[in-house]
Structures are given as structure tokens and as C-alpha cells.
C-alpha atoms as a PDB file:
ATOM      1  CA  MET A   1     110.594  97.707  52.075  1.00  0.00           C
ATOM      2  CA  GLU A   2     112.506  99.690  49.433  1.00  0.00           C
ATOM      3  CA  GLN A   3     110.628 102.858  48.271  1.00  0.00           C
ATOM      4  CA  ILE A   4     109.615 103.249  44.691  1.00  0.00           C
ATOM      5  CA  THR A   5     111.523 106.094  42.871  1.00  0.00           C
ATOM      6  CA  ILE A   6     110.026 109.090  40.982  1.00  0.00           C
ATOM      7  CA  LYS A   7     111.604 107.660  37.826  1.00  0.00           C
ATOM      8  CA  GLU A   8     109.670 104.453  38.297  1.00  0.00           C
ATOM      9  CA  ILE A   9     106.484 106.324  38.857  1.00  0.00           C
ATOM     10  CA  ALA A  10     107.028 108.297  35.689  1.00  0.00           C
ATOM     11  CA  LYS A  11     107.520 105.118  33.695  1.00  0.00           C
ATOM     12  CA  MET A  12     104.406 103.520  35.066  1.00  0.00           C
ATOM     13  CA  CYS A  13     102.291 106.563  34.136  1.00  0.00           C
ATOM     14  CA  GLY A  14     103.918 107.026  30.711  1.00  0.00           C
ATOM     15  CA  VAL A  15     105.094 110.656  31.523  1.00  0.00           C
ATOM     16  CA  GLY A  16     108.336 112.468  32.297  1.00  0.00           C
ATOM     17  CA  VAL A  17     109.763 112.956  35.711  1.00  0.00           C
ATOM     18  CA  SER A  18     109.056 116.607  35.405  1.00  0.00           C
ATOM     19  CA  THR A  19     105.361 115.809  35.006  1.00  0.00           C
ATOM     20  CA  VAL A  20     105.343 113.650  38.134  1.00  0.00           C
ATOM     21  CA  SER A  21     106.950 116.566  39.972  1.00  0.00           C
ATOM     22  CA  ARG A  22     104.315 118.997  38.665  1.00  0.00           C
ATOM     23  CA  ALA A  23     101.612 116.669  39.902  1.00  0.00           C
ATOM     24  CA  ILE A  24     103.167 116.253  43.315  1.00  0.00           C
ATOM     25  CA  ASN A  25     103.541 120.034  43.762  1.00  0.00           C
ATOM     26  CA  ASN A  26      99.976 120.699  42.321  1.00  0.00           C
ATOM     27  CA  HIS A  27     101.268 122.658  39.417  1.00  0.00           C
ATOM     28  CA  PRO A  28      98.522 124.155  37.186  1.00  0.00           C
ATOM     29  CA  ASP A  29     100.378 123.179  34.051  1.00  0.00           C
ATOM     30  CA  ILE A  30      99.098 119.516  34.008  1.00  0.00           C
ATOM     31  CA  SER A  31      95.772 117.984  32.946  1.00  0.00           C
ATOM     32  CA  ASP A  32      93.405 116.660  35.718  1.00  0.00           C
ATOM     33  CA  GLU A  33      93.508 113.225  34.285  1.00  0.00           C
ATOM     34  CA  THR A  34      97.268 112.932  34.233  1.00  0.00           C
ATOM     35  CA  ARG A  35      97.392 114.464  37.768  1.00  0.00           C
ATOM     36  CA  ARG A  36      94.968 111.762  39.064  1.00  0.00           C
ATOM     37  CA  LYS A  37      96.891 109.016  37.340  1.00  0.00           C
ATOM     38  CA  VAL A  38     100.197 110.078  38.962  1.00  0.00           C
ATOM     39  CA  LEU A  39      98.560 110.551  42.260  1.00  0.00           C
ATOM     40  CA  ASP A  40      96.888 107.144  42.305  1.00  0.00           C
ATOM     41  CA  VAL A  41     100.185 105.418  41.690  1.00  0.00           C
ATOM     42  CA  ILE A  42     101.848 107.532  44.540  1.00  0.00           C
ATOM     43  CA  GLN A  43      98.989 106.328  46.977  1.00  0.00           C
ATOM     44  CA  LYS A  44      99.178 102.866  45.707  1.00  0.00           C
ATOM     45  CA  TYR A  45     102.896 102.536  46.436  1.00  0.00           C
ATOM     46  CA  ASN A  46     103.029 104.896  49.445  1.00  0.00           C
ATOM     47  CA  TYR A  47     105.608 107.135  47.573  1.00  0.00           C
ATOM     48  CA  ILE A  48     106.972 109.913  49.927  1.00  0.00           C
ATOM     49  CA  PRO A  49     108.656 112.928  47.889  1.00  0.00           C
ATOM     50  CA  ASN A  50     112.168 113.331  49.003  1.00  0.00           C
ATOM     51  CA  ASN A  51     112.121 117.137  48.636  1.00  0.00           C
ATOM     52  CA  SER A  52     113.246 117.668  52.190  1.00  0.00           C
ATOM     53  CA  ALA A  53     115.821 114.957  52.475  1.00  0.00           C
ATOM     54  CA  GLN A  54     118.568 117.443  53.640  1.00  0.00           C
ATOM     55  CA  ASN A  55     116.345 118.773  56.380  1.00  0.00           C
ATOM     56  CA  LEU A  56     115.578 115.261  57.519  1.00  0.00           C
ATOM     57  CA  LYS A  57     119.408 114.543  57.733  1.00  0.00           C
ATOM     58  CA  ARG A  58     119.731 117.587  60.046  1.00  0.00           C
ATOM     59  CA  SER A  59     116.644 116.906  62.144  1.00  0.00           C
ATOM     60  CA  ALA A  60     116.498 114.760  65.278  1.00  0.00           C
ATOM     61  CA  SER A  61     115.034 111.320  64.437  1.00  0.00           C
ATOM     62  CA  ASP A  62     113.992 110.474  68.064  1.00  0.00           C
ATOM     63  CA  THR A  63     110.364 110.983  67.348  1.00  0.00           C
ATOM     64  CA  ILE A  64     107.227 108.981  68.352  1.00  0.00           C
ATOM     65  CA  ALA A  65     103.917 109.470  66.574  1.00  0.00           C
ATOM     66  CA  VAL A  66     100.490 108.748  68.061  1.00  0.00           C
ATOM     67  CA  LEU A  67      97.841 108.112  65.289  1.00  0.00           C
ATOM     68  CA  ILE A  68      94.477 108.678  66.690  1.00  0.00           C
ATOM     69  CA  LYS A  69      91.192 107.753  65.068  1.00  0.00           C
ATOM     70  CA  GLY A  70      88.279 109.574  66.802  1.00  0.00           C
ATOM     71  CA  ILE A  71      90.157 112.724  68.051  1.00  0.00           C
ATOM     72  CA  SER A  72      86.809 114.177  69.255  1.00  0.00           C
ATOM     73  CA  ASN A  73      86.311 111.391  71.578  1.00  0.00           C
ATOM     74  CA  PRO A  74      86.940 112.605  75.144  1.00  0.00           C
ATOM     75  CA  PHE A  75      88.037 109.054  76.012  1.00  0.00           C
ATOM     76  CA  PHE A  76      91.414 109.688  74.542  1.00  0.00           C
ATOM     77  CA  SER A  77      92.132 113.107  76.230  1.00  0.00           C
ATOM     78  CA  ASP A  78      93.844 111.766  79.334  1.00  0.00           C
ATOM     79  CA  MET A  79      95.752 109.109  77.389  1.00  0.00           C
ATOM     80  CA  ILE A  80      97.199 111.810  74.929  1.00  0.00           C
ATOM     81  CA  GLN A  81      98.461 113.761  77.886  1.00  0.00           C
ATOM     82  CA  VAL A  82     100.309 110.720  79.310  1.00  0.00           C
ATOM     83  CA  PHE A  83     101.832 109.898  75.884  1.00  0.00           C
ATOM     84  CA  GLU A  84     103.102 113.476  75.422  1.00  0.00           C
ATOM     85  CA  GLU A  85     104.523 113.740  78.913  1.00  0.00           C
ATOM     86  CA  GLU A  86     106.278 110.394  78.990  1.00  0.00           C
ATOM     87  CA  THR A  87     107.733 110.834  75.442  1.00  0.00           C
ATOM     88  CA  ARG A  88     109.161 114.302  76.323  1.00  0.00           C
ATOM     89  CA  ARG A  89     110.449 113.044  79.526  1.00  0.00           C
ATOM     90  CA  LYS A  90     112.594 110.641  77.581  1.00  0.00           C
ATOM     91  CA  GLU A  91     113.678 113.519  75.454  1.00  0.00           C
ATOM     92  CA  TYR A  92     111.875 112.327  72.274  1.00  0.00           C
ATOM     93  CA  CYS A  93     109.796 114.428  70.106  1.00  0.00           C
ATOM     94  CA  PHE A  94     105.963 113.878  70.053  1.00  0.00           C
ATOM     95  CA  ILE A  95     103.689 113.949  66.988  1.00  0.00           C
ATOM     96  CA  LEU A  96      99.903 113.605  67.271  1.00  0.00           C
ATOM     97  CA  GLN A  97      98.374 112.539  63.904  1.00  0.00           C
ATOM     98  CA  HIS A  98      94.560 112.588  63.392  1.00  0.00           C
ATOM     99  CA  VAL A  99      93.276 109.832  61.184  1.00  0.00           C
ATOM    100  CA  GLU A 100      89.983 110.428  59.487  1.00  0.00           C
ATOM    101  CA  GLU A 101      87.210 107.926  59.848  1.00  0.00           C
ATOM    102  CA  SER A 102      87.459 107.015  56.123  1.00  0.00           C
ATOM    103  CA  GLU A 103      91.350 106.656  56.331  1.00  0.00           C
ATOM    104  CA  ASP A 104      93.306 103.524  56.744  1.00  0.00           C
ATOM    105  CA  GLU A 105      95.549 104.285  59.789  1.00  0.00           C
ATOM    106  CA  VAL A 106      98.359 101.837  58.612  1.00  0.00           C
ATOM    107  CA  ASP A 107      98.551 103.792  55.265  1.00  0.00           C
ATOM    108  CA  VAL A 108      98.908 107.001  57.261  1.00  0.00           C
ATOM    109  CA  ALA A 109     101.478 105.296  59.563  1.00  0.00           C
ATOM    110  CA  ILE A 110     103.672 104.213  56.550  1.00  0.00           C
ATOM    111  CA  ARG A 111     103.574 107.713  55.182  1.00  0.00           C
ATOM    112  CA  ILE A 112     104.347 109.406  58.407  1.00  0.00           C
ATOM    113  CA  GLU A 113     107.253 107.018  59.244  1.00  0.00           C
ATOM    114  CA  LYS A 114     109.000 107.895  56.050  1.00  0.00           C
ATOM    115  CA  GLU A 115     108.274 111.590  56.297  1.00  0.00           C
ATOM    116  CA  LYS A 116     109.436 111.952  60.013  1.00  0.00           C
ATOM    117  CA  ARG A 117     111.909 109.258  60.434  1.00  0.00           C
ATOM    118  CA  LEU A 118     110.009 107.807  63.325  1.00  0.00           C
ATOM    119  CA  LYS A 119     111.390 105.685  66.080  1.00  0.00           C
ATOM    120  CA  GLY A 120     108.011 104.231  67.199  1.00  0.00           C
ATOM    121  CA  ILE A 121     104.179 104.512  66.698  1.00  0.00           C
ATOM    122  CA  VAL A 122     101.106 104.136  68.870  1.00  0.00           C
ATOM    123  CA  PHE A 123      97.853 103.313  67.167  1.00  0.00           C
ATOM    124  CA  LEU A 124      95.120 104.784  69.376  1.00  0.00           C
ATOM    125  CA  GLY A 125      91.558 103.851  68.491  1.00  0.00           C
ATOM    126  CA  GLY A 126      90.568 102.655  65.018  1.00  0.00           C
ATOM    127  CA  ILE A 127      90.165  99.321  63.520  1.00  0.00           C
ATOM    128  CA  THR A 128      92.939  96.702  63.758  1.00  0.00           C
ATOM    129  CA  ASN A 129      92.062  94.018  61.280  1.00  0.00           C
ATOM    130  CA  ARG A 130      94.781  95.111  58.887  1.00  0.00           C
ATOM    131  CA  PRO A 131      96.629  92.449  56.727  1.00  0.00           C
ATOM    132  CA  ASP A 132     100.043  91.385  57.780  1.00  0.00           C
ATOM    133  CA  GLU A 133     101.541  92.453  54.631  1.00  0.00           C
ATOM    134  CA  LYS A 134     100.583  96.081  55.137  1.00  0.00           C
ATOM    135  CA  LEU A 135     101.715  96.030  58.858  1.00  0.00           C
ATOM    136  CA  ASN A 136     104.925  94.526  57.748  1.00  0.00           C
ATOM    137  CA  GLN A 137     105.695  97.583  55.619  1.00  0.00           C
ATOM    138  CA  LEU A 138     106.299  99.470  58.935  1.00  0.00           C
ATOM    139  CA  ASN A 139     110.059  99.406  59.865  1.00  0.00           C
ATOM    140  CA  VAL A 140     109.640 100.625  63.406  1.00  0.00           C
ATOM    141  CA  PRO A 141     108.066  99.178  66.529  1.00  0.00           C
ATOM    142  CA  PHE A 142     104.323  99.955  67.166  1.00  0.00           C
ATOM    143  CA  VAL A 143     101.775  99.326  69.794  1.00  0.00           C
ATOM    144  CA  PHE A 144      97.957  99.252  69.528  1.00  0.00           C
ATOM    145  CA  SER A 145      96.513 101.059  72.521  1.00  0.00           C
ATOM    146  CA  SER A 146      92.998 100.541  73.861  1.00  0.00           C
ATOM    147  CA  ALA A 147      92.333  97.894  71.147  1.00  0.00           C
ATOM    148  CA  ASP A 148      92.893  94.239  72.123  1.00  0.00           C
ATOM    149  CA  MET A 149      94.949  92.197  69.637  1.00  0.00           C
ATOM    150  CA  ALA A 150      93.769  88.890  71.089  1.00  0.00           C
ATOM    151  CA  ASP A 151      93.277  87.274  67.593  1.00  0.00           C
ATOM    152  CA  THR A 152      96.836  87.912  66.216  1.00  0.00           C
ATOM    153  CA  ASP A 153      98.591  85.045  68.066  1.00  0.00           C
ATOM    154  CA  GLY A 154     101.009  87.524  69.766  1.00  0.00           C
ATOM    155  CA  LYS A 155     102.426  88.957  66.567  1.00  0.00           C
ATOM    156  CA  TYR A 156     101.562  92.589  67.550  1.00  0.00           C
ATOM    157  CA  SER A 157     101.774  94.410  70.807  1.00  0.00           C
ATOM    158  CA  SER A 158      98.660  95.845  72.381  1.00  0.00           C
ATOM    159  CA  VAL A 159      97.551  97.293  75.747  1.00  0.00           C
ATOM    160  CA  SER A 160      93.849  97.300  76.472  1.00  0.00           C
ATOM    161  CA  ILE A 161      91.056  95.703  78.550  1.00  0.00           C
ATOM    162  CA  ASP A 162      89.305  92.584  77.430  1.00  0.00           C
ATOM    163  CA  HIS A 163      86.411  94.039  75.677  1.00  0.00           C
ATOM    164  CA  VAL A 164      84.507  90.810  75.368  1.00  0.00           C
ATOM    165  CA  LYS A 165      84.863  89.994  79.011  1.00  0.00           C
ATOM    166  CA  GLU A 166      84.014  93.481  80.231  1.00  0.00           C
ATOM    167  CA  SER A 167      80.982  93.811  77.775  1.00  0.00           C
ATOM    168  CA  ARG A 168      79.796  90.482  79.241  1.00  0.00           C
ATOM    169  CA  LYS A 169      80.265  91.734  82.721  1.00  0.00           C
ATOM    170  CA  MET A 170      77.890  94.707  81.910  1.00  0.00           C
ATOM    171  CA  VAL A 171      75.138  92.466  80.289  1.00  0.00           C
ATOM    172  CA  ASP A 172      75.480  89.938  83.182  1.00  0.00           C
ATOM    173  CA  TYR A 173      74.718  92.758  85.577  1.00  0.00           C
ATOM    174  CA  LEU A 174      71.689  93.957  83.498  1.00  0.00           C
ATOM    175  CA  CYS A 175      70.354  90.220  83.354  1.00  0.00           C
ATOM    176  CA  ASP A 176      70.798  89.812  87.022  1.00  0.00           C
ATOM    177  CA  CYS A 177      68.630  93.006  87.430  1.00  0.00           C
ATOM    178  CA  GLY A 178      65.942  91.133  85.750  1.00  0.00           C
ATOM    179  CA  HIS A 179      66.182  92.469  82.214  1.00  0.00           C
ATOM    180  CA  LYS A 180      65.429  90.129  79.384  1.00  0.00           C
ATOM    181  CA  LYS A 181      64.794  92.422  76.605  1.00  0.00           C
ATOM    182  CA  ILE A 182      68.121  94.276  76.254  1.00  0.00           C
ATOM    183  CA  ALA A 183      68.773  96.366  73.232  1.00  0.00           C
ATOM    184  CA  LEU A 184      72.396  97.080  72.086  1.00  0.00           C
ATOM    185  CA  LEU A 185      73.520 100.254  70.358  1.00  0.00           C
ATOM    186  CA  THR A 186      76.894  99.496  68.761  1.00  0.00           C
ATOM    187  CA  ALA A 187      79.497 100.334  66.090  1.00  0.00           C
ATOM    188  CA  ARG A 188      79.394  99.799  62.380  1.00  0.00           C
ATOM    189  CA  LYS A 189      78.765  96.268  61.146  1.00  0.00           C
ATOM    190  CA  SER A 190      82.194  96.442  59.427  1.00  0.00           C
ATOM    191  CA  ASP A 191      83.987  97.087  62.817  1.00  0.00           C
ATOM    192  CA  SER A 192      85.771  93.906  63.489  1.00  0.00           C
ATOM    193  CA  SER A 193      87.786  95.355  66.468  1.00  0.00           C
ATOM    194  CA  VAL A 194      86.419  96.958  69.675  1.00  0.00           C
ATOM    195  CA  GLY A 195      82.812  97.240  68.319  1.00  0.00           C
ATOM    196  CA  PHE A 196      82.653  93.592  67.491  1.00  0.00           C
ATOM    197  CA  GLN A 197      84.285  92.502  70.730  1.00  0.00           C
ATOM    198  CA  ARG A 198      81.684  94.366  72.751  1.00  0.00           C
ATOM    199  CA  TYR A 199      78.861  92.878  70.616  1.00  0.00           C
ATOM    200  CA  LYS A 200      80.320  89.396  71.217  1.00  0.00           C
ATOM    201  CA  GLY A 201      80.311  89.940  74.824  1.00  0.00           C
ATOM    202  CA  TYR A 202      76.726  91.054  74.752  1.00  0.00           C
ATOM    203  CA  ARG A 203      75.745  87.770  72.853  1.00  0.00           C
ATOM    204  CA  GLU A 204      77.748  85.591  75.089  1.00  0.00           C
ATOM    205  CA  SER A 205      76.028  87.026  78.242  1.00  0.00           C
ATOM    206  CA  LEU A 206      72.538  86.442  76.708  1.00  0.00           C
ATOM    207  CA  GLU A 207      73.369  82.934  75.864  1.00  0.00           C
ATOM    208  CA  ALA A 208      74.762  82.241  79.400  1.00  0.00           C
ATOM    209  CA  HIS A 209      71.462  83.598  80.835  1.00  0.00           C
ATOM    210  CA  GLY A 210      69.283  81.499  78.428  1.00  0.00           C
ATOM    211  CA  ILE A 211      67.921  84.604  76.610  1.00  0.00           C
ATOM    212  CA  GLU A 212      67.366  84.215  72.914  1.00  0.00           C
ATOM    213  CA  TYR A 213      69.289  86.648  70.763  1.00  0.00           C
ATOM    214  CA  ASP A 214      67.065  89.027  68.830  1.00  0.00           C
ATOM    215  CA  GLU A 215      68.677  90.786  65.811  1.00  0.00           C
ATOM    216  CA  GLY A 216      65.848  93.327  65.967  1.00  0.00           C
ATOM    217  CA  LEU A 217      67.232  94.622  69.275  1.00  0.00           C
ATOM    218  CA  VAL A 218      70.716  95.499  67.879  1.00  0.00           C
ATOM    219  CA  GLU A 219      71.161  98.870  66.158  1.00  0.00           C
ATOM    220  CA  TRP A 220      74.326  99.345  64.177  1.00  0.00           C
ATOM    221  CA  THR A 221      75.929 102.808  63.452  1.00  0.00           C
ATOM    222  CA  PRO A 222      75.514 103.880  59.856  1.00  0.00           C
ATOM    223  CA  ASP A 223      78.643 104.165  57.753  1.00  0.00           C
ATOM    224  CA  ASP A 224      78.074 107.955  57.343  1.00  0.00           C
ATOM    225  CA  MET A 225      78.003 108.635  61.123  1.00  0.00           C
ATOM    226  CA  MET A 226      80.746 108.907  63.536  1.00  0.00           C
ATOM    227  CA  THR A 227      81.152 105.755  65.687  1.00  0.00           C
ATOM    228  CA  TYR A 228      80.549 105.963  69.500  1.00  0.00           C
ATOM    229  CA  SER A 229      79.124 109.437  69.172  1.00  0.00           C
ATOM    230  CA  MET A 230      76.160 111.157  71.028  1.00  0.00           C
ATOM    231  CA  ALA A 231      74.563 111.658  67.522  1.00  0.00           C
ATOM    232  CA  ALA A 232      74.748 107.896  66.811  1.00  0.00           C
ATOM    233  CA  GLY A 233      73.241 107.082  70.126  1.00  0.00           C
ATOM    234  CA  TYR A 234      70.426 109.488  69.638  1.00  0.00           C
ATOM    235  CA  LYS A 235      69.730 108.191  66.008  1.00  0.00           C
ATOM    236  CA  LEU A 236      69.892 104.558  66.891  1.00  0.00           C
ATOM    237  CA  THR A 237      67.538 105.065  69.815  1.00  0.00           C
ATOM    238  CA  ASN A 238      65.023 106.816  67.779  1.00  0.00           C
ATOM    239  CA  ASP A 239      65.320 103.959  65.119  1.00  0.00           C
ATOM    240  CA  LEU A 240      64.691 101.413  67.977  1.00  0.00           C
ATOM    241  CA  LEU A 241      61.631 103.345  69.123  1.00  0.00           C
ATOM    242  CA  ASP A 242      60.299 103.629  65.676  1.00  0.00           C
ATOM    243  CA  SER A 243      60.703  99.856  65.028  1.00  0.00           C
ATOM    244  CA  GLY A 244      58.053  99.110  67.734  1.00  0.00           C
ATOM    245  CA  LYS A 245      60.245  96.463  69.293  1.00  0.00           C
ATOM    246  CA  GLU A 246      59.769  95.864  73.015  1.00  0.00           C
ATOM    247  CA  PHE A 247      62.676  96.499  75.272  1.00  0.00           C
ATOM    248  CA  THR A 248      63.281  97.320  78.902  1.00  0.00           C
ATOM    249  CA  CYS A 249      66.973  98.320  78.733  1.00  0.00           C
ATOM    250  CA  ILE A 250      69.521  99.818  76.409  1.00  0.00           C
ATOM    251  CA  PHE A 251      73.184  98.949  76.496  1.00  0.00           C
ATOM    252  CA  ALA A 252      75.188 101.401  74.573  1.00  0.00           C
ATOM    253  CA  ALA A 253      78.695 100.584  73.402  1.00  0.00           C
ATOM    254  CA  SER A 254      80.063 103.913  74.671  1.00  0.00           C
ATOM    255  CA  ASP A 255      79.060 106.554  77.328  1.00  0.00           C
ATOM    256  CA  ARG A 256      78.543 109.135  74.546  1.00  0.00           C
ATOM    257  CA  MET A 257      76.107 106.869  72.756  1.00  0.00           C
ATOM    258  CA  ALA A 258      74.410 106.220  76.109  1.00  0.00           C
ATOM    259  CA  THR A 259      73.923 109.925  76.545  1.00  0.00           C
ATOM    260  CA  GLY A 260      72.461 110.340  73.075  1.00  0.00           C
ATOM    261  CA  ALA A 261      70.093 107.389  73.922  1.00  0.00           C
ATOM    262  CA  CYS A 262      68.883 109.135  77.083  1.00  0.00           C
ATOM    263  CA  LYS A 263      68.235 112.318  75.125  1.00  0.00           C
ATOM    264  CA  ALA A 264      66.093 110.249  72.626  1.00  0.00           C
ATOM    265  CA  LEU A 265      64.190 108.532  75.398  1.00  0.00           C
ATOM    266  CA  PHE A 266      63.545 111.824  77.264  1.00  0.00           C
ATOM    267  CA  ASN A 267      62.092 113.398  73.964  1.00  0.00           C
ATOM    268  CA  ALA A 268      59.840 110.442  73.634  1.00  0.00           C
ATOM    269  CA  GLY A 269      58.407 111.038  77.130  1.00  0.00           C
ATOM    270  CA  TRP A 270      60.132 108.011  78.671  1.00  0.00           C
ATOM    271  CA  HIS A 271      61.663 108.116  82.304  1.00  0.00           C
ATOM    272  CA  ILE A 272      64.991 106.607  83.146  1.00  0.00           C
ATOM    273  CA  PRO A 273      65.304 104.088  84.698  1.00  0.00           C
ATOM    274  CA  GLU A 274      61.551 103.687  85.440  1.00  0.00           C
ATOM    275  CA  ASP A 275      60.560 102.970  81.830  1.00  0.00           C
ATOM    276  CA  CYS A 276      63.883 101.930  80.459  1.00  0.00           C
ATOM    277  CA  SER A 277      67.333 101.406  82.000  1.00  0.00           C
ATOM    278  CA  VAL A 278      70.439 102.733  80.052  1.00  0.00           C
ATOM    279  CA  ALA A 279      74.044 101.629  80.371  1.00  0.00           C
ATOM    280  CA  GLY A 280      77.209 102.750  78.731  1.00  0.00           C
ATOM    281  CA  PHE A 281      80.820 101.820  78.422  1.00  0.00           C
ATOM    282  CA  ASP A 282      84.154 103.601  78.926  1.00  0.00           C
ATOM    283  CA  GLY A 283      83.891 105.393  82.287  1.00  0.00           C
ATOM    284  CA  LEU A 284      83.911 108.940  81.126  1.00  0.00           C
ATOM    285  CA  GLY A 285      83.774 111.615  83.755  1.00  0.00           C
ATOM    286  CA  TYR A 286      80.659 113.279  82.683  1.00  0.00           C
ATOM    287  CA  ALA A 287      78.768 109.910  83.022  1.00  0.00           C
ATOM    288  CA  THR A 288      79.037 110.392  86.789  1.00  0.00           C
ATOM    289  CA  TYR A 289      77.614 114.002  86.567  1.00  0.00           C
ATOM    290  CA  TYR A 290      74.947 113.302  84.152  1.00  0.00           C
ATOM    291  CA  GLU A 291      71.435 113.016  85.523  1.00  0.00           C
ATOM    292  CA  PRO A 292      70.720 110.222  86.075  1.00  0.00           C
ATOM    293  CA  SER A 293      74.314 109.199  86.403  1.00  0.00           C
ATOM    294  CA  ILE A 294      75.101 106.502  83.874  1.00  0.00           C
ATOM    295  CA  THR A 295      75.989 102.787  84.727  1.00  0.00           C
ATOM    296  CA  THR A 296      79.221 102.066  82.836  1.00  0.00           C
ATOM    297  CA  ILE A 297      82.333 100.123  82.522  1.00  0.00           C
ATOM    298  CA  ASN A 298      85.269 102.244  83.766  1.00  0.00           C
ATOM    299  CA  GLN A 299      88.469 101.696  81.605  1.00  0.00           C
ATOM    300  CA  PRO A 300      91.654 102.481  83.333  1.00  0.00           C
ATOM    301  CA  ARG A 301      92.715 104.956  80.576  1.00  0.00           C
ATOM    302  CA  LYS A 302      95.824 106.422  82.491  1.00  0.00           C
ATOM    303  CA  GLU A 303      97.088 102.890  83.272  1.00  0.00           C
ATOM    304  CA  ILE A 304      96.592 101.880  79.653  1.00  0.00           C
ATOM    305  CA  ALA A 305      98.505 104.853  78.330  1.00  0.00           C
ATOM    306  CA  GLU A 306     101.343 104.373  80.815  1.00  0.00           C
ATOM    307  CA  ALA A 307     101.722 100.708  79.911  1.00  0.00           C
ATOM    308  CA  THR A 308     101.511 101.544  76.255  1.00  0.00           C
ATOM    309  CA  ILE A 309     104.391 104.126  76.194  1.00  0.00           C
ATOM    310  CA  SER A 310     106.473 101.911  78.447  1.00  0.00           C
ATOM    311  CA  LEU A 311     106.078  98.857  76.201  1.00  0.00           C
ATOM    312  CA  LEU A 312     106.804 100.982  73.097  1.00  0.00           C
ATOM    313  CA  PHE A 313     110.111 102.201  74.524  1.00  0.00           C
ATOM    314  CA  ASP A 314     111.001  98.676  75.562  1.00  0.00           C
ATOM    315  CA  LEU A 315     110.490  97.549  71.963  1.00  0.00           C
ATOM    316  CA  ILE A 316     112.503 100.474  70.650  1.00  0.00           C
ATOM    317  CA  ASN A 317     115.359  99.649  73.062  1.00  0.00           C
ATOM    318  CA  LYS A 318     115.022  95.986  72.281  1.00  0.00           C
ATOM    319  CA  LYS A 319     114.305  95.086  75.921  1.00  0.00           C
ATOM    320  CA  GLN A 320     110.966  93.438  75.021  1.00  0.00           C
ATOM    321  CA  THR A 321     109.441  91.449  72.118  1.00  0.00           C
ATOM    322  CA  GLU A 322     105.804  91.759  71.099  1.00  0.00           C
ATOM    323  CA  LYS A 323     103.583  91.519  74.057  1.00  0.00           C
ATOM    324  CA  ARG A 324      99.762  91.613  74.805  1.00  0.00           C
ATOM    325  CA  ILE A 325      98.838  93.434  78.003  1.00  0.00           C
ATOM    326  CA  VAL A 326      95.267  93.183  79.351  1.00  0.00           C
ATOM    327  CA  LEU A 327      94.057  95.228  82.221  1.00  0.00           C
ATOM    328  CA  ASP A 328      90.887  94.952  84.342  1.00  0.00           C
ATOM    329  CA  ALA A 329      88.062  97.398  84.011  1.00  0.00           C
ATOM    330  CA  GLU A 330      85.383  98.166  86.720  1.00  0.00           C
ATOM    331  CA  LEU A 331      81.606  98.047  86.581  1.00  0.00           C
ATOM    332  CA  VAL A 332      80.278 101.343  87.987  1.00  0.00           C
ATOM    333  CA  ILE A 333      76.590 101.293  88.883  1.00  0.00           C
ATOM    334  CA  GLY A 334      74.833 104.747  88.446  1.00  0.00           C
ATOM    335  CA  LYS A 335      71.202 105.787  88.711  1.00  0.00           C
ATOM    336  CA  SER A 336      70.448 104.931  85.134  1.00  0.00           C
ATOM    337  CA  THR A 337      69.739 101.297  85.645  1.00  0.00           C
ATOM    338  CA  ALA A 338      67.226  99.424  87.893  1.00  0.00           C
ATOM    339  CA  ALA A 339      65.110  96.352  87.777  1.00  0.00           C
ATOM    340  CA  PRO A 340      62.530  96.414  85.067  1.00  0.00           C
ATOM    341  CA  CYS A 341      59.008  97.646  86.051  1.00  0.00           C
ATOM    342  CA  SER A 342      56.434  94.925  85.961  1.00  0.00           C
END
């Protein structure tokens, strides 16, 4: 897609080229209203100032960017190390770009691609339901890592586990333990990616075991909280306790949320698993060392990262077309779950 020019921006805003330049460079000699008008057009058309074109021509263009949403999540730490090591081993440069919760990662990718002359992009975490017309603005290969692109009919590459299947596996285990009143702590209602897939697995398992779905046992992360965080798990469990709903087990959509849930239950005087079982998802190391150790779904993070970077370079080198890779995860039973007390 051909980039809009600074002259076209000036014409759209009804100002001169020099005014656009002053807005871009945050020059004080411009009104706030004009600055906002110019910057809104720049954002709408993903315009990238060409003030460093000569430097870009001199720089190496063999660069891979990893865009990460949820950089504080320890789930991604091992994966980032693999991406960096493998990228540098192939003598490419490596850029790690943090994406804020409120940002659209594809908009960020479009901007970074133009600024850094990228050869490839990895989307790590985040929401994947982006319209085709936006993704089609990317002119380099990209792979979604840890998020399953099952619903895109093979148009986009991804490496992940099957979040629906693995969530169902966990709830099947909890049902087999004898639990019938299983609460779910999950992502935001607007999350149509990983959070929705784990929610879907939860519902499918309940249905398979003849357990009626109860919306009152599902707690969604508020829009103003970080998803999959301990704070979210703590708040949602307190909300559940305050609701007065009866439950014997909590299934949290991440180990961090499960840890927050345990804290809330302990504070309320509950014992785990005697009064309430708690299960998580992801297989983070500290889930094993937490007391009681948390029952979880262990994702093969290193293998996901290795398959992601291998697939990306195959796409770059035109050895591969778009491909969806799905790896198996493992149910790890800790001390945080048991049969419900009578």
C-alpha cells in the first residue's frame, strides 16, 4: 500500500507543509487544535515521517520485530529469549516492541514496518480478530505466536496450542473429580481470541458432563484491569465471594489469575483445596512452587517459540506458505485441586 505524502496531509488539513512538519516535531509555534487535526490524519493513514530516509538506506534491513502485548507476563520470558537467540543466530537484528493494552498491535506493526524496514514480524499475545484490510497493509511475513488462528481458514500463520481443547481438558478433569459448581475467571468480554477460546472449552466441557451453564459463575476481567493478572484474579474472586453464589472450584484462565484467586480465598478464611479447589492455565514455573502447588495446563513455551521463528524464516525465504501449527499441552495436577467436600 502506497504511503500518503506530507503534501497530501497538508491539503487534507487545510494547512501548509511547514505546519504539518511543526506538528510532527512538536513545535510550540502551532495551536493545539491544529496539532490535533494533523496528528489525527497521520494516525488514520499510518503516515511515517521520512526524516531519516538516508539513515535507513545505510542501515541493515535484515530485522525481525516481536510485538508483545502483556510484556509483564512471565509466560513470555522464555519465548522472547528463544526469538532473540534464533534471530541473531541467523545474523538478523532483533527488535522487541511493547504494545499497550489499549493499542492495536496491527497499527503498531504497520508503523514499525515502515520505520525499521522489517523482514518479518511476530505477534506475541494480544487479540487476533483484526480485519483483513488492516492485516493486508503489512508487506512482510508475520506469524501469530501463542494465539491460535483456527478461524481464519489458513490465511494467516500461527503457532499455538488448541486453547479450546486444552481448556476442555482441564474442566473435564475437574468434573471427573466430582465438581459440578465450577466458577470461571476469564479475560475481558471483548477478547475474542485466547480468552474466548478458553471460555468456549469451559462451556463445552460442562455441556458434555450434563452440567447446566450458569452465567453467575463466570467472572470477566474489567476493561480497566490488566488481563490474566494476579490483581484480576484477586478482584474477580472477591466479586464471586460477594455475589453469594455457591461454588466448589475455581478455574482461572491463567496461573497468575489462579494465584490471585488463592490469595482472595485465604483472606476470606477458606482452605485450598478443602473448601475450594483452584486450577490455572499456562504452566508457569512458580505454579509448581506455590503452596499449594497449582493444577494447571502446561504450555510448551520453548517449542512454540522455536516453531514460530522457524516458520517465520521459512516464510521470509519463501520455503513455506501460511501454516497453522498446533502443539499439545499437558495437564499437570498439583495440590490445589481435590474432590469437593460433602
